[in-house]
Amino acid sequence: MQTCGAAACRTRVIGPDRALPTLAIDDGRQGELIGVSGPTLVTYEACVELPCSIVATDLQNDSRRVLARAAGLARLVAGRDGTHLVHEVGGSGSGSIRMVRLDGASEALFELGPGVVLVPSASRSGSASAMPSGWLLLSGDGRSHGPGRRTALDPFSGQIRELDEVIP
């Protein structure tokens, strides 16, 4: 659960069972939540508008690691070798998408051409779109609906598929 002001946010992480405590992260450097994977909280740094840095915070020891600088829209995606951060490089519509494992051990860069926008999580994009595990939705405006081209990307294989609009 997260509450935000103009730039900074406070996050509460509720444990998966009643035996685990609820953690409150109240750090003025923390911005909007991207996701949680195991003991790692992934957020933008506090900033007013994208692009922003993206930080991984270890919930067990409070250590922070910058995963990306000057990142646009972002989301987490699960892979066989762990959870990865996928984000736009240099801001929305750049057409460059970077994927990095949360521990920073591996990364890949996809050059998809200008005007391609990563559709972020449903809470940020205001959509109820769902993709198969590991796949990402790309569009011309960062939304899953409306006019324009929609593309699915499997960042682990590099496979790209054009999608038809379900609702005209």
N, C-alpha and C. Protein backbone atom coordinates (compact mmCIF):
# COMPACT_ATOMS: atom_id res chain seq x y z
N MET A 1 0.86 -1.15 0.00
CA MET A 1 0.00 0.00 0.00
C MET A 1 0.91 1.22 0.00
N GLN A 2 0.53 2.25 -0.75
CA GLN A 2 1.39 3.42 -0.85
C GLN A 2 0.56 4.69 -0.85
N THR A 3 1.08 5.72 -0.18
CA THR A 3 0.50 7.05 -0.22
C THR A 3 1.61 8.00 -0.65
N CYS A 4 1.26 8.95 -1.51
CA CYS A 4 2.27 9.85 -2.07
C CYS A 4 1.85 11.30 -1.95
N GLY A 5 2.86 12.15 -1.83
CA GLY A 5 2.69 13.59 -1.94
C GLY A 5 3.03 13.98 -3.37
N ALA A 6 3.52 15.18 -3.55
CA ALA A 6 3.86 15.66 -4.89
C ALA A 6 4.97 14.83 -5.53
N ALA A 7 5.92 14.34 -4.74
CA ALA A 7 7.04 13.58 -5.30
C ALA A 7 7.40 12.37 -4.45
N ALA A 8 7.41 12.51 -3.14
CA ALA A 8 7.83 11.44 -2.24
C ALA A 8 6.64 10.61 -1.78
N CYS A 9 6.92 9.34 -1.44
CA CYS A 9 5.87 8.41 -1.04
C CYS A 9 6.24 7.67 0.24
N ARG A 10 5.24 7.16 0.90
CA ARG A 10 5.40 6.27 2.05
C ARG A 10 4.75 4.95 1.66
N THR A 11 5.47 3.85 1.90
CA THR A 11 5.00 2.53 1.49
C THR A 11 4.86 1.62 2.70
N ARG A 12 3.78 0.87 2.74
CA ARG A 12 3.60 -0.17 3.75
C ARG A 12 3.54 -1.51 3.02
N VAL A 13 4.40 -2.43 3.42
CA VAL A 13 4.43 -3.76 2.82
C VAL A 13 3.84 -4.72 3.84
N ILE A 14 2.76 -5.37 3.47
CA ILE A 14 2.08 -6.30 4.36
C ILE A 14 2.58 -7.70 4.07
N GLY A 15 3.06 -8.40 5.12
CA GLY A 15 3.59 -9.76 4.97
C GLY A 15 2.52 -10.71 4.46
N PRO A 16 2.95 -11.81 3.78
CA PRO A 16 1.98 -12.74 3.19
C PRO A 16 1.18 -13.55 4.21
N ASP A 17 1.60 -13.57 5.47
CA ASP A 17 0.80 -14.23 6.49
C ASP A 17 0.83 -13.38 7.76
N ARG A 18 -0.02 -13.70 8.71
CA ARG A 18 -0.16 -12.86 9.91
C ARG A 18 1.07 -12.89 10.80
N ALA A 19 1.94 -13.87 10.64
CA ALA A 19 3.13 -13.97 11.47
C ALA A 19 4.18 -12.92 11.10
N LEU A 20 4.14 -12.42 9.88
CA LEU A 20 5.12 -11.44 9.43
C LEU A 20 4.60 -10.03 9.68
N PRO A 21 5.48 -9.14 10.09
CA PRO A 21 5.04 -7.77 10.39
C PRO A 21 4.76 -6.97 9.13
N THR A 22 4.01 -5.90 9.33
CA THR A 22 3.82 -4.91 8.27
C THR A 22 4.99 -3.94 8.37
N LEU A 23 5.68 -3.73 7.26
CA LEU A 23 6.83 -2.83 7.25
C LEU A 23 6.41 -1.48 6.69
N ALA A 24 6.82 -0.41 7.34
CA ALA A 24 6.56 0.93 6.84
C ALA A 24 7.88 1.53 6.38
N ILE A 25 7.92 1.94 5.12
CA ILE A 25 9.12 2.57 4.56
C ILE A 25 8.77 4.04 4.35
N ASP A 26 9.37 4.87 5.18
CA ASP A 26 9.09 6.30 5.15
C ASP A 26 10.40 7.03 4.91
N ASP A 27 10.82 7.03 3.67
CA ASP A 27 12.11 7.59 3.27
C ASP A 27 11.80 8.70 2.25
N GLY A 28 12.20 9.91 2.52
CA GLY A 28 11.90 11.04 1.65
C GLY A 28 12.46 10.90 0.24
N ARG A 29 13.35 9.91 0.02
CA ARG A 29 13.92 9.70 -1.32
C ARG A 29 13.07 8.77 -2.16
N GLN A 30 12.08 8.13 -1.56
CA GLN A 30 11.27 7.11 -2.24
C GLN A 30 10.11 7.74 -3.00
N GLY A 31 9.93 7.32 -4.24
CA GLY A 31 8.81 7.76 -5.06
C GLY A 31 7.82 6.63 -5.29
N GLU A 32 7.15 6.69 -6.42
CA GLU A 32 6.08 5.77 -6.77
C GLU A 32 6.53 4.30 -6.82
N LEU A 33 5.69 3.43 -6.31
CA LEU A 33 5.93 1.99 -6.27
C LEU A 33 5.84 1.39 -7.67
N ILE A 34 6.82 0.56 -8.02
CA ILE A 34 6.78 -0.22 -9.25
C ILE A 34 6.37 -1.65 -8.92
N GLY A 35 6.90 -2.20 -7.83
CA GLY A 35 6.52 -3.55 -7.43
C GLY A 35 7.37 -4.06 -6.28
N VAL A 36 6.96 -5.23 -5.78
CA VAL A 36 7.68 -5.92 -4.71
C VAL A 36 7.93 -7.33 -5.19
N SER A 37 9.16 -7.81 -5.00
CA SER A 37 9.50 -9.19 -5.33
C SER A 37 10.32 -9.76 -4.19
N GLY A 38 9.73 -10.71 -3.46
CA GLY A 38 10.41 -11.26 -2.30
C GLY A 38 10.75 -10.14 -1.33
N PRO A 39 12.01 -10.05 -0.90
CA PRO A 39 12.40 -9.01 0.05
C PRO A 39 12.80 -7.69 -0.61
N THR A 40 12.49 -7.50 -1.90
CA THR A 40 12.94 -6.31 -2.62
C THR A 40 11.77 -5.42 -3.03
N LEU A 41 11.84 -4.17 -2.60
CA LEU A 41 10.86 -3.15 -2.97
C LEU A 41 11.48 -2.34 -4.11
N VAL A 42 10.76 -2.18 -5.22
CA VAL A 42 11.26 -1.44 -6.36
C VAL A 42 10.40 -0.20 -6.56
N THR A 43 11.04 0.97 -6.51
CA THR A 43 10.33 2.25 -6.64
C THR A 43 11.13 3.21 -7.52
N TYR A 44 10.43 4.22 -8.01
CA TYR A 44 11.14 5.36 -8.58
C TYR A 44 11.72 6.12 -7.40
N GLU A 45 12.79 6.87 -7.61
CA GLU A 45 13.22 7.83 -6.61
C GLU A 45 12.21 8.97 -6.63
N ALA A 46 12.11 9.68 -5.53
CA ALA A 46 11.17 10.80 -5.47
C ALA A 46 11.50 11.81 -6.58
N CYS A 47 10.53 12.06 -7.43
CA CYS A 47 10.69 13.06 -8.49
C CYS A 47 9.30 13.47 -8.97
N VAL A 48 9.22 14.61 -9.60
CA VAL A 48 7.94 15.16 -9.99
C VAL A 48 7.42 14.55 -11.29
N GLU A 49 8.31 14.28 -12.25
CA GLU A 49 7.88 13.68 -13.52
C GLU A 49 8.99 12.82 -14.09
N LEU A 50 8.60 11.88 -14.94
CA LEU A 50 9.57 10.99 -15.57
C LEU A 50 10.34 11.75 -16.63
N PRO A 51 11.59 11.38 -16.89
CA PRO A 51 12.31 10.22 -16.37
C PRO A 51 12.87 10.45 -14.96
N CYS A 52 13.00 9.33 -14.22
CA CYS A 52 13.52 9.32 -12.85
C CYS A 52 14.42 8.10 -12.68
N SER A 53 15.21 8.11 -11.63
CA SER A 53 15.97 6.91 -11.28
C SER A 53 15.04 5.89 -10.66
N ILE A 54 15.40 4.61 -10.79
CA ILE A 54 14.64 3.52 -10.17
C ILE A 54 15.57 2.82 -9.18
N VAL A 55 15.04 2.56 -7.98
CA VAL A 55 15.84 2.02 -6.89
C VAL A 55 15.22 0.73 -6.36
N ALA A 56 16.09 -0.24 -6.01
CA ALA A 56 15.67 -1.45 -5.31
C ALA A 56 16.07 -1.29 -3.85
N THR A 57 15.11 -1.48 -2.95
CA THR A 57 15.39 -1.40 -1.51
C THR A 57 15.21 -2.79 -0.91
N ASP A 58 16.23 -3.28 -0.22
CA ASP A 58 16.15 -4.57 0.46
C ASP A 58 15.37 -4.36 1.75
N LEU A 59 14.24 -5.02 1.88
CA LEU A 59 13.36 -4.82 3.04
C LEU A 59 13.93 -5.44 4.31
N GLN A 60 14.94 -6.30 4.18
CA GLN A 60 15.53 -6.94 5.35
C GLN A 60 16.61 -6.09 6.00
N ASN A 61 17.34 -5.30 5.20
CA ASN A 61 18.43 -4.51 5.79
C ASN A 61 18.40 -3.04 5.38
N ASP A 62 17.38 -2.61 4.65
CA ASP A 62 17.20 -1.21 4.23
C ASP A 62 18.24 -0.70 3.25
N SER A 63 19.07 -1.58 2.68
CA SER A 63 20.06 -1.11 1.71
C SER A 63 19.35 -0.76 0.40
N ARG A 64 19.91 0.22 -0.32
CA ARG A 64 19.32 0.69 -1.58
C ARG A 64 20.34 0.54 -2.70
N ARG A 65 19.84 0.19 -3.89
CA ARG A 65 20.70 0.04 -5.06
C ARG A 65 19.96 0.66 -6.25
N VAL A 66 20.65 1.54 -6.98
CA VAL A 66 20.06 2.15 -8.16
C VAL A 66 20.09 1.12 -9.29
N LEU A 67 18.90 0.82 -9.84
CA LEU A 67 18.79 -0.12 -10.96
C LEU A 67 18.81 0.59 -12.31
N ALA A 68 18.35 1.83 -12.33
CA ALA A 68 18.28 2.58 -13.60
C ALA A 68 18.30 4.07 -13.31
N ARG A 69 18.92 4.80 -14.21
CA ARG A 69 18.91 6.27 -14.15
C ARG A 69 18.12 6.79 -15.35
N ALA A 70 17.42 7.87 -15.18
CA ALA A 70 16.65 8.49 -16.28
C ALA A 70 15.73 7.49 -16.95
N ALA A 71 14.93 6.78 -16.14
CA ALA A 71 14.01 5.77 -16.66
C ALA A 71 12.62 6.35 -16.85
N GLY A 72 11.96 5.87 -17.88
CA GLY A 72 10.57 6.22 -18.13
C GLY A 72 9.66 5.21 -17.46
N LEU A 73 8.57 4.85 -18.14
CA LEU A 73 7.63 3.88 -17.59
C LEU A 73 8.33 2.56 -17.34
N ALA A 74 7.87 1.85 -16.30
CA ALA A 74 8.56 0.62 -15.89
C ALA A 74 7.58 -0.37 -15.29
N ARG A 75 8.01 -1.62 -15.26
CA ARG A 75 7.25 -2.67 -14.57
C ARG A 75 8.17 -3.82 -14.25
N LEU A 76 7.72 -4.71 -13.37
CA LEU A 76 8.47 -5.92 -13.05
C LEU A 76 7.92 -7.07 -13.87
N VAL A 77 8.81 -7.99 -14.25
CA VAL A 77 8.40 -9.16 -15.00
C VAL A 77 9.19 -10.36 -14.47
N ALA A 78 8.49 -11.49 -14.28
CA ALA A 78 9.13 -12.69 -13.75
C ALA A 78 9.76 -13.50 -14.87
N GLY A 79 10.96 -13.99 -14.60
CA GLY A 79 11.67 -14.85 -15.54
C GLY A 79 12.16 -16.10 -14.85
N ARG A 80 12.69 -17.03 -15.62
CA ARG A 80 13.20 -18.27 -15.02
C ARG A 80 14.34 -18.02 -14.06
N ASP A 81 15.10 -16.95 -14.28
CA ASP A 81 16.25 -16.66 -13.42
C ASP A 81 15.97 -15.55 -12.42
N GLY A 82 14.72 -15.28 -12.14
CA GLY A 82 14.36 -14.28 -11.13
C GLY A 82 13.53 -13.16 -11.73
N THR A 83 13.21 -12.19 -10.89
CA THR A 83 12.41 -11.05 -11.31
C THR A 83 13.31 -10.00 -11.94
N HIS A 84 12.78 -9.37 -13.00
CA HIS A 84 13.52 -8.35 -13.73
C HIS A 84 12.73 -7.05 -13.74
N LEU A 85 13.45 -5.94 -13.76
CA LEU A 85 12.87 -4.63 -14.00
C LEU A 85 12.96 -4.38 -15.49
N VAL A 86 11.85 -3.95 -16.09
CA VAL A 86 11.85 -3.54 -17.49
C VAL A 86 11.43 -2.08 -17.51
N HIS A 87 12.21 -1.23 -18.20
CA HIS A 87 11.91 0.19 -18.19
C HIS A 87 12.33 0.84 -19.50
N GLU A 88 11.69 1.97 -19.77
CA GLU A 88 12.06 2.78 -20.92
C GLU A 88 13.35 3.52 -20.58
N VAL A 89 14.23 3.62 -21.55
CA VAL A 89 15.49 4.33 -21.37
C VAL A 89 15.30 5.77 -21.84
N GLY A 90 15.58 6.72 -20.97
CA GLY A 90 15.54 8.12 -21.37
C GLY A 90 14.17 8.72 -21.49
N GLY A 91 13.15 8.06 -21.03
CA GLY A 91 11.82 8.66 -21.05
C GLY A 91 10.87 7.98 -22.01
N SER A 92 9.62 8.36 -21.88
CA SER A 92 8.55 7.74 -22.63
C SER A 92 8.66 7.98 -24.13
N GLY A 93 8.47 6.93 -24.90
CA GLY A 93 8.46 7.04 -26.35
C GLY A 93 9.82 6.98 -27.01
N SER A 94 10.88 6.74 -26.24
CA SER A 94 12.23 6.69 -26.82
C SER A 94 12.41 5.46 -27.71
N GLY A 95 11.61 4.41 -27.46
CA GLY A 95 11.74 3.17 -28.23
C GLY A 95 12.84 2.26 -27.73
N SER A 96 13.57 2.69 -26.70
CA SER A 96 14.61 1.86 -26.09
C SER A 96 14.07 1.29 -24.79
N ILE A 97 14.06 -0.03 -24.68
CA ILE A 97 13.57 -0.73 -23.49
C ILE A 97 14.72 -1.54 -22.92
N ARG A 98 14.98 -1.38 -21.63
CA ARG A 98 16.07 -2.09 -20.96
C ARG A 98 15.47 -3.05 -19.94
N MET A 99 16.07 -4.24 -19.83
CA MET A 99 15.67 -5.22 -18.83
C MET A 99 16.89 -5.55 -17.98
N VAL A 100 16.72 -5.50 -16.66
CA VAL A 100 17.81 -5.82 -15.74
C VAL A 100 17.24 -6.64 -14.58
N ARG A 101 17.98 -7.68 -14.19
CA ARG A 101 17.57 -8.47 -13.04
C ARG A 101 17.68 -7.61 -11.79
N LEU A 102 16.85 -7.86 -10.78
CA LEU A 102 16.83 -7.00 -9.59
C LEU A 102 18.15 -6.99 -8.83
N ASP A 103 18.95 -8.04 -8.99
CA ASP A 103 20.27 -8.04 -8.34
C ASP A 103 21.33 -7.39 -9.23
N GLY A 104 20.93 -6.91 -10.40
CA GLY A 104 21.84 -6.23 -11.32
C GLY A 104 22.74 -7.15 -12.11
N ALA A 105 22.53 -8.48 -11.99
CA ALA A 105 23.46 -9.45 -12.57
C ALA A 105 23.41 -9.54 -14.09
N SER A 106 22.28 -9.26 -14.70
CA SER A 106 22.22 -9.36 -16.15
C SER A 106 21.32 -8.28 -16.70
N GLU A 107 21.56 -7.91 -17.95
CA GLU A 107 20.70 -6.91 -18.56
C GLU A 107 20.66 -7.12 -20.07
N ALA A 108 19.59 -6.57 -20.66
CA ALA A 108 19.42 -6.63 -22.11
C ALA A 108 18.80 -5.31 -22.55
N LEU A 109 19.10 -4.88 -23.78
CA LEU A 109 18.56 -3.64 -24.32
C LEU A 109 17.84 -3.96 -25.62
N PHE A 110 16.63 -3.43 -25.77
CA PHE A 110 15.82 -3.63 -26.97
C PHE A 110 15.60 -2.28 -27.63
N GLU A 111 16.01 -2.15 -28.88
CA GLU A 111 15.79 -0.93 -29.65
C GLU A 111 14.58 -1.17 -30.55
N LEU A 112 13.43 -0.61 -30.17
CA LEU A 112 12.17 -0.90 -30.85
C LEU A 112 11.70 0.24 -31.75
N GLY A 113 12.43 1.33 -31.77
CA GLY A 113 12.07 2.45 -32.62
C GLY A 113 11.31 3.53 -31.87
N PRO A 114 11.46 4.78 -32.31
CA PRO A 114 10.79 5.90 -31.63
C PRO A 114 9.28 5.73 -31.64
N GLY A 115 8.65 6.23 -30.58
CA GLY A 115 7.20 6.18 -30.48
C GLY A 115 6.66 4.93 -29.82
N VAL A 116 7.50 3.96 -29.50
CA VAL A 116 7.06 2.75 -28.81
C VAL A 116 7.11 3.02 -27.31
N VAL A 117 5.99 2.78 -26.63
CA VAL A 117 5.86 3.07 -25.21
C VAL A 117 5.51 1.78 -24.47
N LEU A 118 6.20 1.53 -23.36
CA LEU A 118 5.90 0.39 -22.50
C LEU A 118 4.60 0.65 -21.76
N VAL A 119 3.66 -0.29 -21.81
CA VAL A 119 2.44 -0.16 -21.02
C VAL A 119 2.79 -0.62 -19.62
N PRO A 120 2.71 0.28 -18.63
CA PRO A 120 3.11 -0.07 -17.27
C PRO A 120 2.06 -0.95 -16.59
N SER A 121 2.23 -1.17 -15.30
CA SER A 121 1.28 -1.98 -14.55
C SER A 121 -0.12 -1.39 -14.64
N ALA A 122 -1.11 -2.21 -14.35
CA ALA A 122 -2.51 -1.78 -14.47
C ALA A 122 -2.80 -0.57 -13.59
N SER A 123 -2.19 -0.50 -12.41
CA SER A 123 -2.47 0.62 -11.52
C SER A 123 -1.96 1.94 -12.10
N ARG A 124 -0.85 1.93 -12.79
CA ARG A 124 -0.31 3.17 -13.38
C ARG A 124 -1.01 3.51 -14.70
N SER A 125 -1.31 2.49 -15.50
CA SER A 125 -1.87 2.74 -16.83
C SER A 125 -3.38 2.92 -16.81
N GLY A 126 -4.02 2.57 -15.69
CA GLY A 126 -5.46 2.71 -15.62
C GLY A 126 -6.19 1.69 -16.48
N SER A 127 -5.56 0.54 -16.70
CA SER A 127 -6.16 -0.49 -17.55
C SER A 127 -6.31 -1.79 -16.77
N ALA A 128 -7.02 -2.69 -17.35
CA ALA A 128 -7.17 -4.01 -16.75
C ALA A 128 -6.58 -5.06 -17.68
N SER A 129 -5.54 -4.68 -18.40
CA SER A 129 -4.95 -5.61 -19.35
C SER A 129 -4.13 -6.66 -18.62
N ALA A 130 -4.10 -7.85 -19.16
CA ALA A 130 -3.30 -8.93 -18.61
C ALA A 130 -2.55 -9.59 -19.76
N MET A 131 -1.32 -9.91 -19.51
CA MET A 131 -0.48 -10.57 -20.51
C MET A 131 -0.01 -11.91 -19.93
N PRO A 132 0.33 -12.85 -20.81
CA PRO A 132 0.90 -14.10 -20.31
C PRO A 132 2.18 -13.81 -19.50
N SER A 133 2.50 -14.65 -18.56
CA SER A 133 3.67 -14.47 -17.72
C SER A 133 4.92 -14.23 -18.56
N GLY A 134 5.65 -13.17 -18.22
CA GLY A 134 6.89 -12.86 -18.90
C GLY A 134 6.74 -11.96 -20.11
N TRP A 135 5.53 -11.73 -20.61
CA TRP A 135 5.32 -10.89 -21.79
C TRP A 135 5.03 -9.45 -21.37
N LEU A 136 5.38 -8.51 -22.25
CA LEU A 136 5.14 -7.09 -22.03
C LEU A 136 4.24 -6.55 -23.13
N LEU A 137 3.43 -5.57 -22.80
CA LEU A 137 2.58 -4.91 -23.77
C LEU A 137 3.20 -3.56 -24.12
N LEU A 138 3.32 -3.27 -25.41
CA LEU A 138 3.86 -2.01 -25.91
C LEU A 138 2.80 -1.33 -26.77
N SER A 139 2.79 0.00 -26.76
CA SER A 139 1.82 0.72 -27.59
C SER A 139 2.42 2.07 -27.98
N GLY A 140 1.67 2.86 -28.68
CA GLY A 140 2.13 4.18 -29.08
C GLY A 140 1.90 5.24 -28.03
N ASP A 141 1.05 4.93 -27.03
CA ASP A 141 0.72 5.94 -26.03
C ASP A 141 0.77 5.43 -24.59
N GLY A 142 1.25 4.20 -24.37
CA GLY A 142 1.36 3.67 -23.01
C GLY A 142 0.05 3.13 -22.45
N ARG A 143 -0.98 3.03 -23.30
CA ARG A 143 -2.26 2.51 -22.86
C ARG A 143 -2.56 1.22 -23.61
N SER A 144 -3.35 0.36 -22.99
CA SER A 144 -3.65 -0.93 -23.61
C SER A 144 -4.82 -0.86 -24.58
N HIS A 145 -5.52 0.26 -24.64
CA HIS A 145 -6.71 0.38 -25.49
C HIS A 145 -6.64 1.65 -26.34
N GLY A 146 -7.56 1.78 -27.23
CA GLY A 146 -7.62 2.97 -28.07
C GLY A 146 -6.98 2.76 -29.42
N PRO A 147 -6.90 3.82 -30.21
CA PRO A 147 -6.36 3.69 -31.56
C PRO A 147 -4.84 3.45 -31.53
N GLY A 148 -4.34 2.91 -32.60
CA GLY A 148 -2.89 2.71 -32.71
C GLY A 148 -2.50 1.25 -32.58
N ARG A 149 -1.24 1.03 -32.79
CA ARG A 149 -0.66 -0.31 -32.81
C ARG A 149 -0.37 -0.81 -31.40
N ARG A 150 -0.62 -2.09 -31.16
CA ARG A 150 -0.29 -2.76 -29.90
C ARG A 150 0.62 -3.93 -30.24
N THR A 151 1.68 -4.09 -29.47
CA THR A 151 2.66 -5.14 -29.70
C THR A 151 2.95 -5.84 -28.40
N ALA A 152 3.16 -7.15 -28.47
CA ALA A 152 3.59 -7.93 -27.31
C ALA A 152 5.05 -8.29 -27.49
N LEU A 153 5.83 -8.17 -26.41
CA LEU A 153 7.25 -8.49 -26.44
C LEU A 153 7.57 -9.49 -25.35
N ASP A 154 8.22 -10.58 -25.73
CA ASP A 154 8.79 -11.51 -24.75
C ASP A 154 10.26 -11.12 -24.61
N PRO A 155 10.62 -10.40 -23.54
CA PRO A 155 11.98 -9.89 -23.44
C PRO A 155 13.03 -10.98 -23.21
N PHE A 156 12.60 -12.17 -22.88
CA PHE A 156 13.56 -13.25 -22.63
C PHE A 156 13.98 -13.93 -23.93
N SER A 157 13.08 -13.96 -24.92
CA SER A 157 13.42 -14.57 -26.21
C SER A 157 13.60 -13.52 -27.31
N GLY A 158 13.11 -12.29 -27.06
CA GLY A 158 13.15 -11.25 -28.08
C GLY A 158 12.01 -11.34 -29.07
N GLN A 159 11.10 -12.29 -28.87
CA GLN A 159 9.97 -12.47 -29.79
C GLN A 159 8.99 -11.31 -29.67
N ILE A 160 8.53 -10.80 -30.82
CA ILE A 160 7.56 -9.70 -30.88
C ILE A 160 6.35 -10.16 -31.67
N ARG A 161 5.15 -9.83 -31.18
CA ARG A 161 3.91 -10.18 -31.88
C ARG A 161 3.01 -8.96 -31.96
N GLU A 162 2.48 -8.74 -33.17
CA GLU A 162 1.49 -7.68 -33.36
C GLU A 162 0.15 -8.16 -32.79
N LEU A 163 -0.58 -7.27 -32.16
CA LEU A 163 -1.87 -7.61 -31.56
C LEU A 163 -2.98 -6.84 -32.24
N ASP A 164 -4.12 -7.50 -32.43
CA ASP A 164 -5.30 -6.82 -32.93
C ASP A 164 -6.08 -6.28 -31.74
N GLU A 165 -6.79 -5.19 -31.93
CA GLU A 165 -7.61 -4.61 -30.89
C GLU A 165 -8.80 -5.51 -30.64
N VAL A 166 -9.07 -5.81 -29.37
CA VAL A 166 -10.20 -6.66 -29.02
C VAL A 166 -11.50 -5.88 -29.07
N ILE A 167 -11.47 -4.66 -28.53
CA ILE A 167 -12.65 -3.81 -28.53
C ILE A 167 -12.40 -2.64 -29.46
N PRO A 168 -13.23 -2.47 -30.51
CA PRO A 168 -12.98 -1.37 -31.46
C PRO A 168 -13.19 -0.01 -30.82
